[in-house]
Amino acid sequence: VQLVESGGGLVQPGGSLRLSCAASGFTFRLYGMSWYRQTPGKARELVARISSVGDSTTYADFGKGRFTISRDNGKNTVYLQMNSLKPEDTAVYYCHCTAKNYWGQGTQVTVSS
């Protein structure tokens, strides 16, 4: 099983990033997926969640109106589009398969001028 995140980097406040998580080794289309984030010294927190077929999504309050989670089951990939980024969005972002408790290795997002 692998979850491989990509798309992180350094972006200025107000900018955008699109994170991707490529899944392999399990039947991706059957499972809900989530994005979490973590900063040093703090617990990992949920960012967004999407159902197995993509018809239901939930967001943390800090992401509502700015972040969009989506998935492409044909490509075994889940995405996180992040707009209007703020310095407080700086964190390592992780992909997670909810039911199987699989985690990716994380991708660093840094929002700074």
Protein backbone atom coordinates (compact mmCIF):
# COMPACT_ATOMS: atom_id res chain seq x y z
CA VAL A 1 0.00 0.00 0.00
CA GLN A 2 1.28 3.44 -0.90
CA LEU A 3 -0.07 6.95 -0.59
CA VAL A 4 2.28 9.44 -2.21
CA GLU A 5 1.63 13.13 -1.76
CA SER A 6 3.00 15.83 -4.04
CA GLY A 7 2.44 19.46 -4.86
CA GLY A 8 3.65 21.12 -1.70
CA GLY A 9 6.08 24.00 -1.66
CA LEU A 10 6.62 27.63 -0.80
CA VAL A 11 3.88 30.07 -1.72
CA GLN A 12 3.17 33.68 -0.85
CA PRO A 13 0.15 34.65 1.26
CA GLY A 14 -2.92 34.77 -0.95
CA GLY A 15 -1.49 32.22 -3.32
CA SER A 16 -2.70 28.77 -4.30
CA LEU A 17 -1.42 25.23 -4.30
CA ARG A 18 -2.87 21.95 -5.49
CA LEU A 19 -1.84 18.87 -3.56
CA SER A 20 -2.14 15.41 -5.06
CA CYS A 21 -2.11 12.00 -3.43
CA ALA A 22 -1.54 8.98 -5.64
CA ALA A 23 -2.77 5.71 -4.14
CA SER A 24 -1.74 2.17 -4.95
CA GLY A 25 -1.98 -1.27 -3.43
CA PHE A 26 -5.64 -1.17 -2.48
CA THR A 27 -9.01 -0.62 -4.14
CA PHE A 28 -8.99 3.16 -3.95
CA ARG A 29 -12.50 3.69 -5.31
CA LEU A 30 -14.07 1.84 -2.36
CA TYR A 31 -12.77 4.13 0.38
CA GLY A 32 -13.27 7.60 1.67
CA MET A 33 -10.14 9.69 1.76
CA SER A 34 -8.98 12.61 3.85
CA TRP A 35 -6.34 15.27 4.07
CA TYR A 36 -4.80 16.14 7.42
CA ARG A 37 -2.14 18.62 8.41
CA GLN A 38 0.32 18.94 11.24
CA THR A 39 2.63 21.61 12.58
CA PRO A 40 5.45 21.00 15.06
CA GLY A 41 4.20 20.49 18.59
CA LYS A 42 0.58 20.22 17.57
CA ALA A 43 -1.72 17.29 16.94
CA ARG A 44 -2.54 16.28 13.40
CA GLU A 45 -5.84 17.92 12.37
CA LEU A 46 -8.41 17.08 9.74
CA VAL A 47 -8.48 19.40 6.75
CA ALA A 48 -11.06 17.78 4.49
CA ARG A 49 -12.72 14.46 3.77
CA ILE A 50 -14.34 13.01 0.68
CA SER A 51 -16.55 9.96 0.21
CA SER A 52 -15.57 7.00 -1.91
CA VAL A 53 -17.47 8.21 -4.97
CA GLY A 54 -16.84 11.89 -4.34
CA ASP A 55 -20.44 12.90 -3.72
CA SER A 56 -19.92 14.01 -0.15
CA THR A 57 -17.26 16.29 1.29
CA THR A 58 -16.58 17.86 4.66
CA TYR A 59 -14.16 20.59 5.64
CA ALA A 60 -12.60 21.96 8.75
CA ASP A 61 -13.86 25.45 9.50
CA PHE A 62 -10.50 26.98 8.56
CA GLY A 63 -10.75 25.50 5.08
CA LYS A 64 -14.33 26.28 4.18
CA GLY A 65 -14.52 28.55 1.17
CA ARG A 66 -10.78 28.27 0.50
CA PHE A 67 -10.01 24.55 0.14
CA THR A 68 -11.59 22.01 -2.20
CA ILE A 69 -11.10 18.26 -1.95
CA SER A 70 -11.75 16.12 -5.01
CA ARG A 71 -10.83 12.73 -6.37
CA ASP A 72 -10.35 10.89 -9.64
CA ASN A 73 -11.04 7.20 -9.11
CA GLY A 74 -9.80 6.43 -12.60
CA LYS A 75 -6.40 7.76 -11.60
CA ASN A 76 -6.47 6.57 -7.98
CA THR A 77 -5.75 10.11 -6.89
CA VAL A 78 -7.21 12.53 -4.39
CA TYR A 79 -6.56 16.26 -4.60
CA LEU A 80 -6.64 19.27 -2.32
CA GLN A 81 -6.95 22.63 -4.01
CA MET A 82 -5.94 25.37 -1.60
CA ASN A 83 -6.65 29.01 -2.41
CA SER A 84 -6.16 32.26 -0.51
CA LEU A 85 -3.44 30.65 1.54
CA LYS A 86 -2.43 32.17 4.86
CA PRO A 87 0.77 31.85 6.88
CA GLU A 88 -1.17 29.78 9.42
CA ASP A 89 -1.78 27.17 6.72
CA THR A 90 1.92 26.31 6.91
CA ALA A 91 2.13 22.62 7.83
CA VAL A 92 2.93 19.17 6.59
CA TYR A 93 -0.12 17.87 4.73
CA TYR A 94 -0.92 14.18 4.82
CA CYS A 95 -3.19 11.99 2.76
CA HIS A 96 -5.19 9.39 4.70
CA CYS A 97 -7.39 6.44 3.84
CA THR A 98 -10.02 6.59 6.55
CA ALA A 99 -11.19 2.99 6.77
CA LYS A 100 -7.78 1.39 6.39
CA ASN A 101 -5.87 3.98 8.40
CA TYR A 102 -3.22 4.30 5.71
CA TRP A 103 -1.07 7.44 5.77
CA GLY A 104 1.15 9.05 3.20
CA GLN A 105 4.57 10.47 4.01
CA GLY A 106 3.39 14.07 3.88
CA THR A 107 4.20 17.12 1.80
CA GLN A 108 5.38 20.42 3.24
CA VAL A 109 3.37 23.55 2.56
CA THR A 110 4.96 26.84 3.55
CA VAL A 111 3.08 30.11 3.21
CA SER A 112 5.41 33.03 3.59
CA SER A 113 6.39 36.27 1.93
